[in-house]
Amino acid sequence: MLILKDSQSGPSGGTMDHRLLEIIACPVCNGKLWYNQEQQELICKLDNLAFPLRDGIPVLLENEARALTSDESKS
């Protein structure tokens, strides 16, 4: 089980270890994931998907991801 800790604190007290971002990938395309601290999500810019963090644990299931809005995917 991967639990995020050690770097940036999120608003819900969850944190993100940047070392984890170096080893995990999008389950859909194997692309890089970006951490959105405000939303507590991992973002795949290639697939325009946001994967939630629940209690500091990334939920990397395609059916749990939400589609990014057009405004979100531009940034």
C-alpha atoms as a PDB file:
ATOM      1  CA  MET A   1       0.000   0.000   0.000  1.00  0.00           C
ATOM      2  CA  LEU A   2       1.351   3.448  -0.925  1.00  0.00           C
ATOM      3  CA  ILE A   3       0.638   6.258   1.488  1.00  0.00           C
ATOM      4  CA  LEU A   4       1.611   9.758   0.489  1.00  0.00           C
ATOM      5  CA  LYS A   5       3.692  11.625   3.020  1.00  0.00           C
ATOM      6  CA  ASP A   6       6.731  13.762   3.518  1.00  0.00           C
ATOM      7  CA  SER A   7       6.552  16.801   1.216  1.00  0.00           C
ATOM      8  CA  GLN A   8       3.607  19.089   0.563  1.00  0.00           C
ATOM      9  CA  SER A   9       0.695  19.149   2.974  1.00  0.00           C
ATOM     10  CA  GLY A  10      -2.734  19.193   1.403  1.00  0.00           C
ATOM     11  CA  PRO A  11      -5.801  20.983   2.790  1.00  0.00           C
ATOM     12  CA  SER A  12      -7.185  17.793   4.316  1.00  0.00           C
ATOM     13  CA  GLY A  13      -3.927  17.065   6.092  1.00  0.00           C
ATOM     14  CA  GLY A  14      -2.837  14.631   3.375  1.00  0.00           C
ATOM     15  CA  THR A  15       0.625  15.057   1.979  1.00  0.00           C
ATOM     16  CA  MET A  16       2.408  14.202  -1.224  1.00  0.00           C
ATOM     17  CA  ASP A  17       5.850  12.653  -1.478  1.00  0.00           C
ATOM     18  CA  HIS A  18       7.434  13.877  -4.704  1.00  0.00           C
ATOM     19  CA  ARG A  19       9.524  10.705  -4.874  1.00  0.00           C
ATOM     20  CA  LEU A  20       6.291   8.782  -5.347  1.00  0.00           C
ATOM     21  CA  LEU A  21       5.468  10.837  -8.446  1.00  0.00           C
ATOM     22  CA  GLU A  22       8.709   9.609  -9.988  1.00  0.00           C
ATOM     23  CA  ILE A  23       7.648   5.959  -9.805  1.00  0.00           C
ATOM     24  CA  ILE A  24       3.881   5.908 -10.335  1.00  0.00           C
ATOM     25  CA  ALA A  25       2.209   6.445 -13.686  1.00  0.00           C
ATOM     26  CA  CYS A  26      -1.225   6.877 -15.180  1.00  0.00           C
ATOM     27  CA  PRO A  27      -2.915   3.461 -15.295  1.00  0.00           C
ATOM     28  CA  VAL A  28      -4.463   4.305 -18.669  1.00  0.00           C
ATOM     29  CA  CYS A  29      -1.485   5.538 -20.708  1.00  0.00           C
ATOM     30  CA  ASN A  30       1.548   5.046 -18.410  1.00  0.00           C
ATOM     31  CA  GLY A  31       2.122   8.806 -18.617  1.00  0.00           C
ATOM     32  CA  LYS A  32       3.403  11.166 -15.929  1.00  0.00           C
ATOM     33  CA  LEU A  33       1.035  12.201 -13.143  1.00  0.00           C
ATOM     34  CA  TRP A  34       0.952  15.710 -11.658  1.00  0.00           C
ATOM     35  CA  TYR A  35      -0.127  16.470  -8.094  1.00  0.00           C
ATOM     36  CA  ASN A  36      -2.953  18.966  -7.589  1.00  0.00           C
ATOM     37  CA  GLN A  37      -2.619  19.932  -3.934  1.00  0.00           C
ATOM     38  CA  GLU A  38      -5.810  22.014  -3.827  1.00  0.00           C
ATOM     39  CA  GLN A  39      -8.030  19.226  -5.168  1.00  0.00           C
ATOM     40  CA  GLN A  40      -6.004  16.349  -3.661  1.00  0.00           C
ATOM     41  CA  GLU A  41      -5.806  14.621  -7.042  1.00  0.00           C
ATOM     42  CA  LEU A  42      -3.202  13.164  -9.355  1.00  0.00           C
ATOM     43  CA  ILE A  43      -3.639  14.558 -12.865  1.00  0.00           C
ATOM     44  CA  CYS A  44      -2.864  12.884 -16.184  1.00  0.00           C
ATOM     45  CA  LYS A  45      -2.595  15.677 -18.738  1.00  0.00           C
ATOM     46  CA  LEU A  46      -2.438  13.223 -21.661  1.00  0.00           C
ATOM     47  CA  ASP A  47      -5.771  11.570 -20.848  1.00  0.00           C
ATOM     48  CA  ASN A  48      -7.347  14.608 -19.138  1.00  0.00           C
ATOM     49  CA  LEU A  49      -8.138  12.536 -16.056  1.00  0.00           C
ATOM     50  CA  ALA A  50      -7.927  13.328 -12.337  1.00  0.00           C
ATOM     51  CA  PHE A  51      -7.358  10.431  -9.941  1.00  0.00           C
ATOM     52  CA  PRO A  52      -8.453  11.033  -6.339  1.00  0.00           C
ATOM     53  CA  LEU A  53      -6.397  10.676  -3.179  1.00  0.00           C
ATOM     54  CA  ARG A  54      -8.297   9.091  -0.309  1.00  0.00           C
ATOM     55  CA  ASP A  55      -6.680   9.350   3.107  1.00  0.00           C
ATOM     56  CA  GLY A  56      -3.365   9.985   1.364  1.00  0.00           C
ATOM     57  CA  ILE A  57      -3.667   6.900  -0.838  1.00  0.00           C
ATOM     58  CA  PRO A  58      -3.819   7.352  -4.631  1.00  0.00           C
ATOM     59  CA  VAL A  59      -6.810   5.630  -6.217  1.00  0.00           C
ATOM     60  CA  LEU A  60      -5.424   4.800  -9.650  1.00  0.00           C
ATOM     61  CA  LEU A  61      -8.507   3.159 -11.112  1.00  0.00           C
ATOM     62  CA  GLU A  62      -9.865   4.466 -14.398  1.00  0.00           C
ATOM     63  CA  ASN A  63     -13.471   4.126 -13.242  1.00  0.00           C
ATOM     64  CA  GLU A  64     -12.683   6.254 -10.140  1.00  0.00           C
ATOM     65  CA  ALA A  65     -11.084   9.073 -12.158  1.00  0.00           C
ATOM     66  CA  ARG A  66     -12.984  12.154 -13.189  1.00  0.00           C
ATOM     67  CA  ALA A  67     -12.643  13.848 -16.548  1.00  0.00           C
ATOM     68  CA  LEU A  68     -10.973  17.245 -16.429  1.00  0.00           C
ATOM     69  CA  THR A  69     -13.025  20.208 -17.585  1.00  0.00           C
ATOM     70  CA  SER A  70     -11.809  22.043 -20.680  1.00  0.00           C
ATOM     71  CA  ASP A  71     -10.510  24.879 -18.459  1.00  0.00           C
ATOM     72  CA  GLU A  72      -8.597  22.435 -16.246  1.00  0.00           C
ATOM     73  CA  SER A  73      -7.023  20.610 -19.163  1.00  0.00           C
ATOM     74  CA  LYS A  74      -5.676  23.892 -20.590  1.00  0.00           C
ATOM     75  CA  SER A  75      -3.676  24.703 -17.450  1.00  0.00           C
END
